[in-house]
Amino acid sequence: MPSNALNKDLIPTSPVALLLPIAYMAVIFWTSSVSDTNPGNWSDDMYAGIGQELQNLLHFPIYSVLAVLWCRAGWRWFPNIAGVVIFAWLTASGYGALDEWHQSFVPGRFSSLNDVVTNMMGAAAGVLAYGLWFRHLHNAASAVNDSRSGLEG
């Protein structure tokens, strides 16, 4: 296999690759649906001792993970890494914006443009990490295949 050809062994084909980001989005939706007006609810316990600034920063890793999950699922529709990461970034960022809008309707919660930007930056970090990881694996697999073909020839 030429070193620039896509190694199909690196592409997830299981239906789980599609179900994971959808389930993760459901968890995000559920946690952002909890009203902050009920004292003693589970979110008070979960965020106890965490300042508002740190809570806002949690958007970054949450949407990084979502973007990586969509990268894994994106191979169902896109034949190359560029299409996969663009799709994943748009999907994770779009969901981040929709979830912020959704929070504007939840009593005691608020929506902020800062959170949308943090979600988008987290998604960008996730697709960047996935792209670098994929490139590393692809290059390693190509090197192995090239060395095998050198032994055969």
Protein backbone atom coordinates (compact mmCIF):
# COMPACT_ATOMS: atom_id res chain seq x y z
CA MET A 1 0.00 0.00 0.00
CA PRO A 2 1.47 3.42 -0.92
CA SER A 3 2.21 5.54 2.15
CA ASN A 4 -0.33 8.20 1.12
CA ALA A 5 -3.23 5.70 0.82
CA LEU A 6 -5.75 5.60 3.66
CA ASN A 7 -5.31 2.64 5.98
CA LYS A 8 -8.83 1.20 6.29
CA ASP A 9 -7.86 -0.65 9.49
CA LEU A 10 -7.77 2.71 11.29
CA ILE A 11 -11.39 3.58 10.48
CA PRO A 12 -14.05 2.60 13.03
CA THR A 13 -16.92 0.74 11.38
CA SER A 14 -18.92 -0.38 14.40
CA PRO A 15 -22.38 1.13 15.00
CA VAL A 16 -21.06 2.02 18.46
CA ALA A 17 -18.98 4.74 16.78
CA LEU A 18 -22.26 6.46 15.89
CA LEU A 19 -24.11 5.71 19.11
CA LEU A 20 -21.42 7.10 21.45
CA PRO A 21 -21.62 10.76 20.36
CA ILE A 22 -25.41 10.62 20.35
CA ALA A 23 -25.48 9.19 23.88
CA TYR A 24 -22.89 11.74 25.00
CA MET A 25 -25.03 14.56 23.57
CA ALA A 26 -28.03 13.18 25.48
CA VAL A 27 -26.01 13.36 28.71
CA ILE A 28 -25.00 16.96 27.92
CA PHE A 29 -28.64 17.84 27.23
CA TRP A 30 -29.80 16.17 30.43
CA THR A 31 -27.22 17.94 32.61
CA SER A 32 -27.98 21.30 31.04
CA SER A 33 -31.70 20.73 31.63
CA VAL A 34 -31.33 20.71 35.40
CA SER A 35 -32.72 23.88 36.89
CA ASP A 36 -30.47 25.78 39.26
CA THR A 37 -33.51 27.07 41.15
CA ASN A 38 -34.04 23.89 43.22
CA PRO A 39 -31.80 23.95 46.29
CA GLY A 40 -30.21 20.61 47.08
CA ASN A 41 -30.51 19.12 43.60
CA TRP A 42 -27.79 16.80 42.29
CA SER A 43 -26.09 19.57 40.32
CA ASP A 44 -25.49 21.51 43.55
CA ASP A 45 -23.65 18.48 44.94
CA MET A 46 -21.76 17.87 41.70
CA TYR A 47 -20.55 21.47 41.42
CA ALA A 48 -20.01 22.06 45.16
CA GLY A 49 -16.76 23.94 45.67
CA ILE A 50 -16.28 24.65 41.98
CA GLY A 51 -16.41 28.33 41.14
CA GLN A 52 -18.45 29.66 38.23
CA GLU A 53 -15.31 30.37 36.19
CA LEU A 54 -14.15 26.76 36.47
CA GLN A 55 -17.64 25.51 35.65
CA ASN A 56 -17.52 27.59 32.47
CA LEU A 57 -14.09 26.17 31.60
CA LEU A 58 -15.53 22.65 31.84
CA HIS A 59 -17.23 23.35 28.52
CA PHE A 60 -13.83 23.04 26.82
CA PRO A 61 -13.07 19.38 27.65
CA ILE A 62 -16.73 18.38 27.34
CA TYR A 63 -16.88 19.60 23.75
CA SER A 64 -13.38 18.30 22.98
CA VAL A 65 -14.60 14.81 23.82
CA LEU A 66 -17.78 15.31 21.79
CA ALA A 67 -15.74 16.38 18.76
CA VAL A 68 -13.48 13.32 19.05
CA LEU A 69 -16.53 11.06 19.25
CA TRP A 70 -17.96 12.70 16.12
CA CYS A 71 -14.59 12.27 14.37
CA ARG A 72 -14.84 8.55 14.96
CA ALA A 73 -18.42 8.50 13.68
CA GLY A 74 -17.73 10.80 10.73
CA TRP A 75 -16.00 8.09 8.72
CA ARG A 76 -19.46 6.75 7.88
CA TRP A 77 -20.03 9.74 5.61
CA PHE A 78 -16.62 11.18 4.71
CA PRO A 79 -13.78 9.35 2.93
CA ASN A 80 -10.93 11.54 4.20
CA ILE A 81 -9.66 13.04 7.42
CA ALA A 82 -10.35 16.61 6.30
CA GLY A 83 -14.05 15.90 5.78
CA VAL A 84 -14.23 14.01 9.06
CA VAL A 85 -12.71 16.77 11.20
CA ILE A 86 -14.71 19.56 9.53
CA PHE A 87 -17.91 17.56 10.03
CA ALA A 88 -17.02 16.80 13.65
CA TRP A 89 -16.14 20.42 14.46
CA LEU A 90 -19.32 21.76 12.86
CA THR A 91 -21.47 19.13 14.59
CA ALA A 92 -19.94 19.59 18.05
CA SER A 93 -19.86 23.39 17.75
CA GLY A 94 -23.39 23.53 16.42
CA TYR A 95 -24.61 21.33 19.24
CA GLY A 96 -22.78 23.55 21.72
CA ALA A 97 -24.62 26.59 20.36
CA LEU A 98 -27.97 24.78 20.41
CA ASP A 99 -27.40 23.61 23.97
CA GLU A 100 -26.63 27.15 25.09
CA TRP A 101 -29.87 28.28 23.45
CA HIS A 102 -31.68 25.41 25.18
CA GLN A 103 -30.27 26.55 28.55
CA SER A 104 -31.83 29.96 28.05
CA PHE A 105 -35.22 28.28 28.60
CA VAL A 106 -34.20 26.39 31.77
CA PRO A 107 -35.11 28.25 34.99
CA GLY A 108 -32.02 29.34 36.88
CA ARG A 109 -29.72 28.66 33.91
CA PHE A 110 -28.41 31.20 31.47
CA SER A 111 -26.99 31.20 28.01
CA SER A 112 -23.80 33.04 27.14
CA LEU A 113 -21.84 33.77 24.00
CA ASN A 114 -18.68 33.12 26.01
CA ASP A 115 -19.84 29.54 26.60
CA VAL A 116 -20.58 29.09 22.89
CA VAL A 117 -17.06 30.25 22.03
CA THR A 118 -15.58 27.96 24.71
CA ASN A 119 -17.59 25.06 23.26
CA MET A 120 -16.26 25.85 19.78
CA MET A 121 -12.68 26.11 21.03
CA GLY A 122 -13.04 22.79 22.86
CA ALA A 123 -14.40 21.19 19.69
CA ALA A 124 -11.46 22.63 17.73
CA ALA A 125 -9.01 21.16 20.24
CA GLY A 126 -10.77 17.80 19.99
CA VAL A 127 -10.59 17.63 16.19
CA LEU A 128 -6.98 18.82 16.25
CA ALA A 129 -6.06 16.10 18.75
CA TYR A 130 -7.92 13.49 16.71
CA GLY A 131 -6.30 14.64 13.47
CA LEU A 132 -2.82 14.48 14.99
CA TRP A 133 -3.52 11.08 16.54
CA PHE A 134 -4.92 9.76 13.26
CA ARG A 135 -1.95 11.08 11.29
CA HIS A 136 0.44 9.43 13.74
CA LEU A 137 -1.36 6.07 13.47
CA HIS A 138 -1.63 6.37 9.70
CA ASN A 139 2.08 7.16 9.35
CA ALA A 140 3.03 4.30 11.68
CA ALA A 141 0.82 1.84 9.78
CA SER A 142 2.21 3.07 6.46
CA ALA A 143 5.78 2.61 7.70
CA VAL A 144 5.01 -0.96 8.74
CA ASN A 145 3.37 -1.68 5.38
CA ASP A 146 6.27 -0.07 3.49
CA SER A 147 8.80 -2.15 5.42
CA ARG A 148 6.79 -5.32 4.73
CA SER A 149 6.62 -4.59 1.02
CA GLY A 150 10.40 -3.96 1.06
CA LEU A 151 10.94 -7.41 2.54
CA GLU A 152 8.71 -9.04 -0.05
CA GLY A 153 10.38 -7.37 -3.01
